Amino acid sequence: HNLFLSHFYFTFQFLLLSGFYYTVLEKAKQRRW
């Protein structure tokens, strides 16, 4: 059974892409958001 891995997938995808876009977005309000 591997369905539990989906929770790690979506969580890490959210965290890491949040970090990426925090770096590349230029407006302070967007980064604060």
PDB file of all heavy atoms in Angstrom:
ATOM      1  N   HIS A   1       0.841  -1.194   0.000  1.00  0.00           N
ATOM      2  CA  HIS A   1       0.000   0.000   0.000  1.00  0.00           C
ATOM      3  C   HIS A   1       0.886   1.258   0.000  1.00  0.00           C
ATOM      4  O   HIS A   1       1.742   1.416   0.871  1.00  0.00           O
ATOM      5  CB  HIS A   1      -0.897   0.002   1.242  1.00  0.00           C
ATOM      6  CG  HIS A   1      -1.761   1.212   1.358  1.00  0.00           C
ATOM      7  ND1 HIS A   1      -2.893   1.402   0.576  1.00  0.00           N
ATOM      8  CD2 HIS A   1      -1.668   2.308   2.152  1.00  0.00           C
ATOM      9  CE1 HIS A   1      -3.451   2.552   0.891  1.00  0.00           C
ATOM     10  NE2 HIS A   1      -2.744   3.125   1.839  1.00  0.00           N
ATOM     11  N   ASN A   2       0.678   2.130  -0.978  1.00  0.00           N
ATOM     12  CA  ASN A   2       1.547   3.307  -1.106  1.00  0.00           C
ATOM     13  C   ASN A   2       0.784   4.627  -1.180  1.00  0.00           C
ATOM     14  O   ASN A   2       1.364   5.669  -1.472  1.00  0.00           O
ATOM     15  CB  ASN A   2       2.448   3.171  -2.342  1.00  0.00           C
ATOM     16  CG  ASN A   2       1.650   3.033  -3.625  1.00  0.00           C
ATOM     17  OD1 ASN A   2       0.420   3.113  -3.630  1.00  0.00           O
ATOM     18  ND2 ASN A   2       2.335   2.826  -4.735  1.00  0.00           N
ATOM     19  N   LEU A   3      -0.517   4.586  -0.894  1.00  0.00           N
ATOM     20  CA  LEU A   3      -1.315   5.801  -0.993  1.00  0.00           C
ATOM     21  C   LEU A   3      -0.856   6.879  -0.016  1.00  0.00           C
ATOM     22  O   LEU A   3      -0.971   8.076  -0.293  1.00  0.00           O
ATOM     23  CB  LEU A   3      -2.799   5.483  -0.749  1.00  0.00           C
ATOM     24  CG  LEU A   3      -3.808   6.610  -1.010  1.00  0.00           C
ATOM     25  CD1 LEU A   3      -3.697   7.116  -2.451  1.00  0.00           C
ATOM     26  CD2 LEU A   3      -5.227   6.141  -0.725  1.00  0.00           C
ATOM     27  N   PHE A   4      -0.290   6.451   1.111  1.00  0.00           N
ATOM     28  CA  PHE A   4       0.175   7.414   2.115  1.00  0.00           C
ATOM     29  C   PHE A   4       1.266   8.336   1.563  1.00  0.00           C
ATOM     30  O   PHE A   4       1.449   9.459   2.035  1.00  0.00           O
ATOM     31  CB  PHE A   4       0.684   6.693   3.367  1.00  0.00           C
ATOM     32  CG  PHE A   4       1.964   5.947   3.173  1.00  0.00           C
ATOM     33  CD1 PHE A   4       3.193   6.553   3.454  1.00  0.00           C
ATOM     34  CD2 PHE A   4       1.963   4.640   2.697  1.00  0.00           C
ATOM     35  CE1 PHE A   4       4.389   5.879   3.274  1.00  0.00           C
ATOM     36  CE2 PHE A   4       3.156   3.952   2.518  1.00  0.00           C
ATOM     37  CZ  PHE A   4       4.375   4.568   2.805  1.00  0.00           C
ATOM     38  N   LEU A   5       1.990   7.872   0.541  1.00  0.00           N
ATOM     39  CA  LEU A   5       3.055   8.695  -0.033  1.00  0.00           C
ATOM     40  C   LEU A   5       2.506   9.947  -0.710  1.00  0.00           C
ATOM     41  O   LEU A   5       3.225  10.941  -0.850  1.00  0.00           O
ATOM     42  CB  LEU A   5       3.867   7.873  -1.042  1.00  0.00           C
ATOM     43  CG  LEU A   5       4.839   6.835  -0.467  1.00  0.00           C
ATOM     44  CD1 LEU A   5       5.459   6.018  -1.588  1.00  0.00           C
ATOM     45  CD2 LEU A   5       5.923   7.507   0.364  1.00  0.00           C
ATOM     46  N   SER A   6       1.247   9.898  -1.126  1.00  0.00           N
ATOM     47  CA  SER A   6       0.659  11.069  -1.788  1.00  0.00           C
ATOM     48  C   SER A   6       0.636  12.273  -0.852  1.00  0.00           C
ATOM     49  O   SER A   6       0.769  13.415  -1.297  1.00  0.00           O
ATOM     50  CB  SER A   6      -0.762  10.760  -2.270  1.00  0.00           C
ATOM     51  OG  SER A   6      -1.636  10.547  -1.171  1.00  0.00           O
ATOM     52  N   HIS A   7       0.473  12.016   0.457  1.00  0.00           N
ATOM     53  CA  HIS A   7       0.446  13.120   1.418  1.00  0.00           C
ATOM     54  C   HIS A   7       1.818  13.812   1.489  1.00  0.00           C
ATOM     55  O   HIS A   7       1.907  15.030   1.568  1.00  0.00           O
ATOM     56  CB  HIS A   7       0.043  12.616   2.796  1.00  0.00           C
ATOM     57  CG  HIS A   7      -1.234  11.814   2.786  1.00  0.00           C
ATOM     58  ND1 HIS A   7      -2.408  12.319   2.287  1.00  0.00           N
ATOM     59  CD2 HIS A   7      -1.496  10.549   3.187  1.00  0.00           C
ATOM     60  CE1 HIS A   7      -3.352  11.397   2.394  1.00  0.00           C
ATOM     61  NE2 HIS A   7      -2.820  10.308   2.940  1.00  0.00           N
ATOM     62  N   PHE A   8       2.875  13.000   1.461  1.00  0.00           N
ATOM     63  CA  PHE A   8       4.229  13.568   1.445  1.00  0.00           C
ATOM     64  C   PHE A   8       4.484  14.307   0.140  1.00  0.00           C
ATOM     65  O   PHE A   8       5.113  15.368   0.127  1.00  0.00           O
ATOM     66  CB  PHE A   8       5.266  12.452   1.621  1.00  0.00           C
ATOM     67  CG  PHE A   8       5.260  11.822   2.976  1.00  0.00           C
ATOM     68  CD1 PHE A   8       4.639  10.606   3.203  1.00  0.00           C
ATOM     69  CD2 PHE A   8       5.880  12.456   4.050  1.00  0.00           C
ATOM     70  CE1 PHE A   8       4.633  10.028   4.459  1.00  0.00           C
ATOM     71  CE2 PHE A   8       5.888  11.897   5.314  1.00  0.00           C
ATOM     72  CZ  PHE A   8       5.252  10.671   5.517  1.00  0.00           C
ATOM     73  N   TYR A   9       3.974  13.738  -0.953  1.00  0.00           N
ATOM     74  CA  TYR A   9       4.177  14.348  -2.268  1.00  0.00           C
ATOM     75  C   TYR A   9       3.585  15.755  -2.317  1.00  0.00           C
ATOM     76  O   TYR A   9       4.279  16.721  -2.668  1.00  0.00           O
ATOM     77  CB  TYR A   9       3.547  13.468  -3.348  1.00  0.00           C
ATOM     78  CG  TYR A   9       3.782  13.973  -4.754  1.00  0.00           C
ATOM     79  CD1 TYR A   9       4.876  13.527  -5.485  1.00  0.00           C
ATOM     80  CD2 TYR A   9       2.926  14.901  -5.353  1.00  0.00           C
ATOM     81  CE1 TYR A   9       5.105  13.984  -6.781  1.00  0.00           C
ATOM     82  CE2 TYR A   9       3.146  15.369  -6.629  1.00  0.00           C
ATOM     83  CZ  TYR A   9       4.238  14.903  -7.332  1.00  0.00           C
ATOM     84  OH  TYR A   9       4.466  15.377  -8.595  1.00  0.00           O
ATOM     85  N   PHE A  10       2.312  15.874  -1.966  1.00  0.00           N
ATOM     86  CA  PHE A  10       1.645  17.179  -2.043  1.00  0.00           C
ATOM     87  C   PHE A  10       2.200  18.172  -1.029  1.00  0.00           C
ATOM     88  O   PHE A  10       2.309  19.371  -1.319  1.00  0.00           O
ATOM     89  CB  PHE A  10       0.135  17.015  -1.865  1.00  0.00           C
ATOM     90  CG  PHE A  10      -0.539  16.401  -3.046  1.00  0.00           C
ATOM     91  CD1 PHE A  10      -1.045  15.114  -2.979  1.00  0.00           C
ATOM     92  CD2 PHE A  10      -0.646  17.095  -4.244  1.00  0.00           C
ATOM     93  CE1 PHE A  10      -1.666  14.534  -4.078  1.00  0.00           C
ATOM     94  CE2 PHE A  10      -1.256  16.523  -5.356  1.00  0.00           C
ATOM     95  CZ  PHE A  10      -1.763  15.232  -5.270  1.00  0.00           C
ATOM     96  N   THR A  11       2.574  17.666   0.160  1.00  0.00           N
ATOM     97  CA  THR A  11       3.118  18.565   1.191  1.00  0.00           C
ATOM     98  C   THR A  11       4.475  19.116   0.784  1.00  0.00           C
ATOM     99  O   THR A  11       4.714  20.332   0.869  1.00  0.00           O
ATOM    100  CB  THR A  11       3.238  17.834   2.539  1.00  0.00           C
ATOM    101  OG1 THR A  11       1.941  17.378   2.951  1.00  0.00           O
ATOM    102  CG2 THR A  11       3.801  18.763   3.610  1.00  0.00           C
ATOM    103  N   PHE A  12       5.372  18.252   0.342  1.00  0.00           N
ATOM    104  CA  PHE A  12       6.705  18.713  -0.051  1.00  0.00           C
ATOM    105  C   PHE A  12       6.649  19.551  -1.322  1.00  0.00           C
ATOM    106  O   PHE A  12       7.418  20.499  -1.476  1.00  0.00           O
ATOM    107  CB  PHE A  12       7.650  17.521  -0.232  1.00  0.00           C
ATOM    108  CG  PHE A  12       8.236  17.019   1.042  1.00  0.00           C
ATOM    109  CD1 PHE A  12       7.843  15.799   1.581  1.00  0.00           C
ATOM    110  CD2 PHE A  12       9.182  17.763   1.740  1.00  0.00           C
ATOM    111  CE1 PHE A  12       8.368  15.338   2.776  1.00  0.00           C
ATOM    112  CE2 PHE A  12       9.723  17.315   2.935  1.00  0.00           C
ATOM    113  CZ  PHE A  12       9.313  16.098   3.456  1.00  0.00           C
ATOM    114  N   GLN A  13       5.742  19.198  -2.234  1.00  0.00           N
ATOM    115  CA  GLN A  13       5.594  20.016  -3.436  1.00  0.00           C
ATOM    116  C   GLN A  13       5.187  21.425  -3.048  1.00  0.00           C
ATOM    117  O   GLN A  13       5.725  22.412  -3.570  1.00  0.00           O
ATOM    118  CB  GLN A  13       4.541  19.406  -4.365  1.00  0.00           C
ATOM    119  CG  GLN A  13       4.260  20.248  -5.599  1.00  0.00           C
ATOM    120  CD  GLN A  13       3.309  19.565  -6.547  1.00  0.00           C
ATOM    121  OE1 GLN A  13       3.714  19.012  -7.562  1.00  0.00           O
ATOM    122  NE2 GLN A  13       2.020  19.593  -6.247  1.00  0.00           N
ATOM    123  N   PHE A  14       4.235  21.540  -2.129  1.00  0.00           N
ATOM    124  CA  PHE A  14       3.769  22.847  -1.667  1.00  0.00           C
ATOM    125  C   PHE A  14       4.890  23.626  -0.982  1.00  0.00           C
ATOM    126  O   PHE A  14       5.114  24.805  -1.275  1.00  0.00           O
ATOM    127  CB  PHE A  14       2.597  22.650  -0.701  1.00  0.00           C
ATOM    128  CG  PHE A  14       2.166  23.907  -0.007  1.00  0.00           C
ATOM    129  CD1 PHE A  14       1.601  24.960  -0.715  1.00  0.00           C
ATOM    130  CD2 PHE A  14       2.331  24.053   1.362  1.00  0.00           C
ATOM    131  CE1 PHE A  14       1.214  26.131  -0.074  1.00  0.00           C
ATOM    132  CE2 PHE A  14       1.938  25.205   2.010  1.00  0.00           C
ATOM    133  CZ  PHE A  14       1.377  26.251   1.292  1.00  0.00           C
ATOM    134  N   LEU A  15       5.608  22.981  -0.078  1.00  0.00           N
ATOM    135  CA  LEU A  15       6.676  23.660   0.669  1.00  0.00           C
ATOM    136  C   LEU A  15       7.808  24.129  -0.251  1.00  0.00           C
ATOM    137  O   LEU A  15       8.255  25.278  -0.173  1.00  0.00           O
ATOM    138  CB  LEU A  15       7.241  22.731   1.744  1.00  0.00           C
ATOM    139  CG  LEU A  15       6.384  22.539   2.994  1.00  0.00           C
ATOM    140  CD1 LEU A  15       6.970  21.432   3.864  1.00  0.00           C
ATOM    141  CD2 LEU A  15       6.285  23.830   3.779  1.00  0.00           C
ATOM    142  N   LEU A  16       8.274  23.245  -1.108  1.00  0.00           N
ATOM    143  CA  LEU A  16       9.444  23.556  -1.929  1.00  0.00           C
ATOM    144  C   LEU A  16       9.125  24.558  -3.041  1.00  0.00           C
ATOM    145  O   LEU A  16       9.941  25.435  -3.343  1.00  0.00           O
ATOM    146  CB  LEU A  16      10.023  22.263  -2.506  1.00  0.00           C
ATOM    147  CG  LEU A  16      10.575  21.300  -1.446  1.00  0.00           C
ATOM    148  CD1 LEU A  16      10.974  19.970  -2.072  1.00  0.00           C
ATOM    149  CD2 LEU A  16      11.756  21.913  -0.708  1.00  0.00           C
ATOM    150  N   LEU A  17       7.958  24.444  -3.640  1.00  0.00           N
ATOM    151  CA  LEU A  17       7.594  25.434  -4.654  1.00  0.00           C
ATOM    152  C   LEU A  17       7.254  26.779  -4.021  1.00  0.00           C
ATOM    153  O   LEU A  17       7.462  27.827  -4.635  1.00  0.00           O
ATOM    154  CB  LEU A  17       6.422  24.926  -5.503  1.00  0.00           C
ATOM    155  CG  LEU A  17       6.771  23.810  -6.487  1.00  0.00           C
ATOM    156  CD1 LEU A  17       5.558  23.395  -7.297  1.00  0.00           C
ATOM    157  CD2 LEU A  17       7.908  24.227  -7.423  1.00  0.00           C
ATOM    158  N   SER A  18       6.764  26.765  -2.780  1.00  0.00           N
ATOM    159  CA  SER A  18       6.571  28.028  -2.055  1.00  0.00           C
ATOM    160  C   SER A  18       7.915  28.711  -1.856  1.00  0.00           C
ATOM    161  O   SER A  18       8.047  29.929  -2.027  1.00  0.00           O
ATOM    162  CB  SER A  18       5.907  27.772  -0.700  1.00  0.00           C
ATOM    163  OG  SER A  18       4.574  27.316  -0.846  1.00  0.00           O
ATOM    164  N   GLY A  19       8.932  27.928  -1.499  1.00  0.00           N
ATOM    165  CA  GLY A  19      10.277  28.475  -1.339  1.00  0.00           C
ATOM    166  C   GLY A  19      10.829  29.014  -2.636  1.00  0.00           C
ATOM    167  O   GLY A  19      11.441  30.093  -2.674  1.00  0.00           O
ATOM    168  N   PHE A  20      10.592  28.277  -3.725  1.00  0.00           N
ATOM    169  CA  PHE A  20      11.071  28.725  -5.038  1.00  0.00           C
ATOM    170  C   PHE A  20      10.425  30.048  -5.431  1.00  0.00           C
ATOM    171  O   PHE A  20      11.116  31.005  -5.824  1.00  0.00           O
ATOM    172  CB  PHE A  20      10.769  27.660  -6.091  1.00  0.00           C
ATOM    173  CG  PHE A  20      11.034  28.111  -7.497  1.00  0.00           C
ATOM    174  CD1 PHE A  20      12.325  28.140  -8.000  1.00  0.00           C
ATOM    175  CD2 PHE A  20       9.989  28.525  -8.318  1.00  0.00           C
ATOM    176  CE1 PHE A  20      12.576  28.576  -9.306  1.00  0.00           C
ATOM    177  CE2 PHE A  20      10.224  28.957  -9.619  1.00  0.00           C
ATOM    178  CZ  PHE A  20      11.517  28.978 -10.105  1.00  0.00           C
ATOM    179  N   TYR A  21       9.097  30.126  -5.303  1.00  0.00           N
ATOM    180  CA  TYR A  21       8.408  31.353  -5.732  1.00  0.00           C
ATOM    181  C   TYR A  21       8.638  32.514  -4.771  1.00  0.00           C
ATOM    182  O   TYR A  21       8.575  33.677  -5.181  1.00  0.00           O
ATOM    183  CB  TYR A  21       6.925  31.080  -5.956  1.00  0.00           C
ATOM    184  CG  TYR A  21       6.701  30.336  -7.251  1.00  0.00           C
ATOM    185  CD1 TYR A  21       6.275  29.016  -7.261  1.00  0.00           C
ATOM    186  CD2 TYR A  21       6.972  30.946  -8.476  1.00  0.00           C
ATOM    187  CE1 TYR A  21       6.116  28.326  -8.454  1.00  0.00           C
ATOM    188  CE2 TYR A  21       6.819  30.272  -9.667  1.00  0.00           C
ATOM    189  CZ  TYR A  21       6.395  28.959  -9.651  1.00  0.00           C
ATOM    190  OH  TYR A  21       6.257  28.282 -10.837  1.00  0.00           O
ATOM    191  N   TYR A  22       8.930  32.210  -3.526  1.00  0.00           N
ATOM    192  CA  TYR A  22       9.313  33.277  -2.602  1.00  0.00           C
ATOM    193  C   TYR A  22      10.614  33.936  -3.068  1.00  0.00           C
ATOM    194  O   TYR A  22      10.824  35.135  -2.903  1.00  0.00           O
ATOM    195  CB  TYR A  22       9.507  32.717  -1.191  1.00  0.00           C
ATOM    196  CG  TYR A  22       9.899  33.763  -0.174  1.00  0.00           C
ATOM    197  CD1 TYR A  22       8.934  34.576   0.427  1.00  0.00           C
ATOM    198  CD2 TYR A  22      11.236  33.949   0.182  1.00  0.00           C
ATOM    199  CE1 TYR A  22       9.298  35.551   1.348  1.00  0.00           C
ATOM    200  CE2 TYR A  22      11.605  34.921   1.103  1.00  0.00           C
ATOM    201  CZ  TYR A  22      10.635  35.717   1.683  1.00  0.00           C
ATOM    202  OH  TYR A  22      11.001  36.686   2.591  1.00  0.00           O
ATOM    203  N   THR A  23      11.464  33.141  -3.676  1.00  0.00           N
ATOM    204  CA  THR A  23      12.755  33.634  -4.171  1.00  0.00           C
ATOM    205  C   THR A  23      12.620  34.438  -5.461  1.00  0.00           C
ATOM    206  O   THR A  23      13.283  35.463  -5.638  1.00  0.00           O
ATOM    207  CB  THR A  23      13.726  32.454  -4.411  1.00  0.00           C
ATOM    208  OG1 THR A  23      13.887  31.724  -3.196  1.00  0.00           O
ATOM    209  CG2 THR A  23      15.094  32.946  -4.865  1.00  0.00           C
ATOM    210  N   VAL A  24      11.752  33.991  -6.373  1.00  0.00           N
ATOM    211  CA  VAL A  24      11.703  34.633  -7.689  1.00  0.00           C
ATOM    212  C   VAL A  24      10.681  35.766  -7.797  1.00  0.00           C
ATOM    213  O   VAL A  24      10.808  36.625  -8.678  1.00  0.00           O
ATOM    214  CB  VAL A  24      11.427  33.597  -8.809  1.00  0.00           C
ATOM    215  CG1 VAL A  24      12.554  32.579  -8.878  1.00  0.00           C
ATOM    216  CG2 VAL A  24      10.078  32.904  -8.601  1.00  0.00           C
ATOM    217  N   LEU A  25       9.668  35.767  -6.929  1.00  0.00           N
ATOM    218  CA  LEU A  25       8.709  36.879  -6.972  1.00  0.00           C
ATOM    219  C   LEU A  25       9.356  38.139  -6.398  1.00  0.00           C
ATOM    220  O   LEU A  25      10.028  38.083  -5.368  1.00  0.00           O
ATOM    221  CB  LEU A  25       7.441  36.528  -6.194  1.00  0.00           C
ATOM    222  CG  LEU A  25       6.517  35.491  -6.851  1.00  0.00           C
ATOM    223  CD1 LEU A  25       5.366  35.121  -5.934  1.00  0.00           C
ATOM    224  CD2 LEU A  25       5.985  36.001  -8.188  1.00  0.00           C
ATOM    225  N   GLU A  26       9.153  39.256  -7.051  1.00  0.00           N
ATOM    226  CA  GLU A  26       9.872  40.477  -6.697  1.00  0.00           C
ATOM    227  C   GLU A  26       9.127  41.390  -5.733  1.00  0.00           C
ATOM    228  O   GLU A  26       9.750  42.116  -4.959  1.00  0.00           O
ATOM    229  CB  GLU A  26      10.199  41.254  -7.983  1.00  0.00           C
ATOM    230  CG  GLU A  26      11.115  40.473  -8.926  1.00  0.00           C
ATOM    231  CD  GLU A  26      11.296  41.169 -10.253  1.00  0.00           C
ATOM    232  OE1 GLU A  26      10.602  42.201 -10.486  1.00  0.00           O
ATOM    233  OE2 GLU A  26      12.103  40.696 -11.078  1.00  0.00           O
ATOM    234  N   LYS A  27       7.801  41.383  -5.764  1.00  0.00           N
ATOM    235  CA  LYS A  27       7.036  42.295  -4.920  1.00  0.00           C
ATOM    236  C   LYS A  27       6.997  41.812  -3.470  1.00  0.00           C
ATOM    237  O   LYS A  27       6.700  40.647  -3.201  1.00  0.00           O
ATOM    238  CB  LYS A  27       5.616  42.455  -5.460  1.00  0.00           C
ATOM    239  CG  LYS A  27       5.565  43.155  -6.814  1.00  0.00           C
ATOM    240  CD  LYS A  27       4.138  43.383  -7.261  1.00  0.00           C
ATOM    241  CE  LYS A  27       4.097  44.128  -8.599  1.00  0.00           C
ATOM    242  NZ  LYS A  27       2.705  44.357  -9.067  1.00  0.00           N
ATOM    243  N   ALA A  28       7.250  42.733  -2.548  1.00  0.00           N
ATOM    244  CA  ALA A  28       7.293  42.396  -1.127  1.00  0.00           C
ATOM    245  C   ALA A  28       5.954  41.859  -0.631  1.00  0.00           C
ATOM    246  O   ALA A  28       5.907  40.933   0.193  1.00  0.00           O
ATOM    247  CB  ALA A  28       7.699  43.622  -0.309  1.00  0.00           C
ATOM    248  N   LYS A  29       4.847  42.409  -1.135  1.00  0.00           N
ATOM    249  CA  LYS A  29       3.517  41.957  -0.708  1.00  0.00           C
ATOM    250  C   LYS A  29       3.264  40.507  -1.105  1.00  0.00           C
ATOM    251  O   LYS A  29       2.660  39.742  -0.355  1.00  0.00           O
ATOM    252  CB  LYS A  29       2.435  42.866  -1.301  1.00  0.00           C
ATOM    253  CG  LYS A  29       2.366  44.250  -0.675  1.00  0.00           C
ATOM    254  CD  LYS A  29       1.201  45.048  -1.256  1.00  0.00           C
ATOM    255  CE  LYS A  29       1.112  46.425  -0.593  1.00  0.00           C
ATOM    256  NZ  LYS A  29      -0.018  47.228  -1.146  1.00  0.00           N
ATOM    257  N   GLN A  30       3.734  40.142  -2.281  1.00  0.00           N
ATOM    258  CA  GLN A  30       3.550  38.767  -2.743  1.00  0.00           C
ATOM    259  C   GLN A  30       4.392  37.798  -1.912  1.00  0.00           C
ATOM    260  O   GLN A  30       3.923  36.708  -1.551  1.00  0.00           O
ATOM    261  CB  GLN A  30       3.929  38.666  -4.224  1.00  0.00           C
ATOM    262  CG  GLN A  30       3.001  39.440  -5.136  1.00  0.00           C
ATOM    263  CD  GLN A  30       3.458  39.454  -6.575  1.00  0.00           C
ATOM    264  OE1 GLN A  30       4.556  38.984  -6.911  1.00  0.00           O
ATOM    265  NE2 GLN A  30       2.619  39.992  -7.459  1.00  0.00           N
ATOM    266  N   ARG A  31       5.602  38.205  -1.593  1.00  0.00           N
ATOM    267  CA  ARG A  31       6.476  37.363  -0.765  1.00  0.00           C
ATOM    268  C   ARG A  31       5.919  37.235   0.650  1.00  0.00           C
ATOM    269  O   ARG A  31       5.962  36.153   1.254  1.00  0.00           O
ATOM    270  CB  ARG A  31       7.886  37.960  -0.746  1.00  0.00           C
ATOM    271  CG  ARG A  31       8.589  37.886  -2.091  1.00  0.00           C
ATOM    272  CD  ARG A  31       9.704  38.918  -2.203  1.00  0.00           C
ATOM    273  NE  ARG A  31      10.801  38.622  -1.307  1.00  0.00           N
ATOM    274  CZ  ARG A  31      11.931  38.011  -1.668  1.00  0.00           C
ATOM    275  NH1 ARG A  31      12.079  37.592  -2.917  1.00  0.00           N
ATOM    276  NH2 ARG A  31      12.899  37.814  -0.810  1.00  0.00           N
ATOM    277  N   ARG A  32       5.365  38.324   1.156  1.00  0.00           N
ATOM    278  CA  ARG A  32       4.751  38.290   2.481  1.00  0.00           C
ATOM    279  C   ARG A  32       3.542  37.370   2.479  1.00  0.00           C
ATOM    280  O   ARG A  32       3.290  36.646   3.451  1.00  0.00           O
ATOM    281  CB  ARG A  32       4.353  39.710   2.903  1.00  0.00           C
ATOM    282  CG  ARG A  32       3.665  39.798   4.271  1.00  0.00           C
ATOM    283  CD  ARG A  32       4.535  39.244   5.375  1.00  0.00           C
ATOM    284  NE  ARG A  32       3.870  39.326   6.663  1.00  0.00           N
ATOM    285  CZ  ARG A  32       4.258  38.648   7.737  1.00  0.00           C
ATOM    286  NH1 ARG A  32       5.325  37.842   7.671  1.00  0.00           N
ATOM    287  NH2 ARG A  32       3.606  38.774   8.875  1.00  0.00           N
ATOM    288  N   TRP A  33       2.790  37.400   1.396  1.00  0.00           N
ATOM    289  CA  TRP A  33       1.624  36.545   1.264  1.00  0.00           C
ATOM    290  C   TRP A  33       2.020  35.071   1.324  1.00  0.00           C
ATOM    291  O   TRP A  33       1.328  34.256   1.952  1.00  0.00           O
ATOM    292  CB  TRP A  33       0.925  36.871  -0.054  1.00  0.00           C
ATOM    293  CG  TRP A  33      -0.368  36.133  -0.244  1.00  0.00           C
ATOM    294  CD1 TRP A  33      -1.547  36.353   0.388  1.00  0.00           C
ATOM    295  CD2 TRP A  33      -0.586  35.044  -1.138  1.00  0.00           C
ATOM    296  NE1 TRP A  33      -2.505  35.473  -0.058  1.00  0.00           N
ATOM    297  CE2 TRP A  33      -1.945  34.658  -0.992  1.00  0.00           C
ATOM    298  CE3 TRP A  33       0.219  34.363  -2.057  1.00  0.00           C
ATOM    299  CZ2 TRP A  33      -2.498  33.611  -1.729  1.00  0.00           C
ATOM    300  CZ3 TRP A  33      -0.342  33.327  -2.784  1.00  0.00           C
ATOM    301  CH2 TRP A  33      -1.690  32.963  -2.617  1.00  0.00           C
TER     302      TRP A  33
END
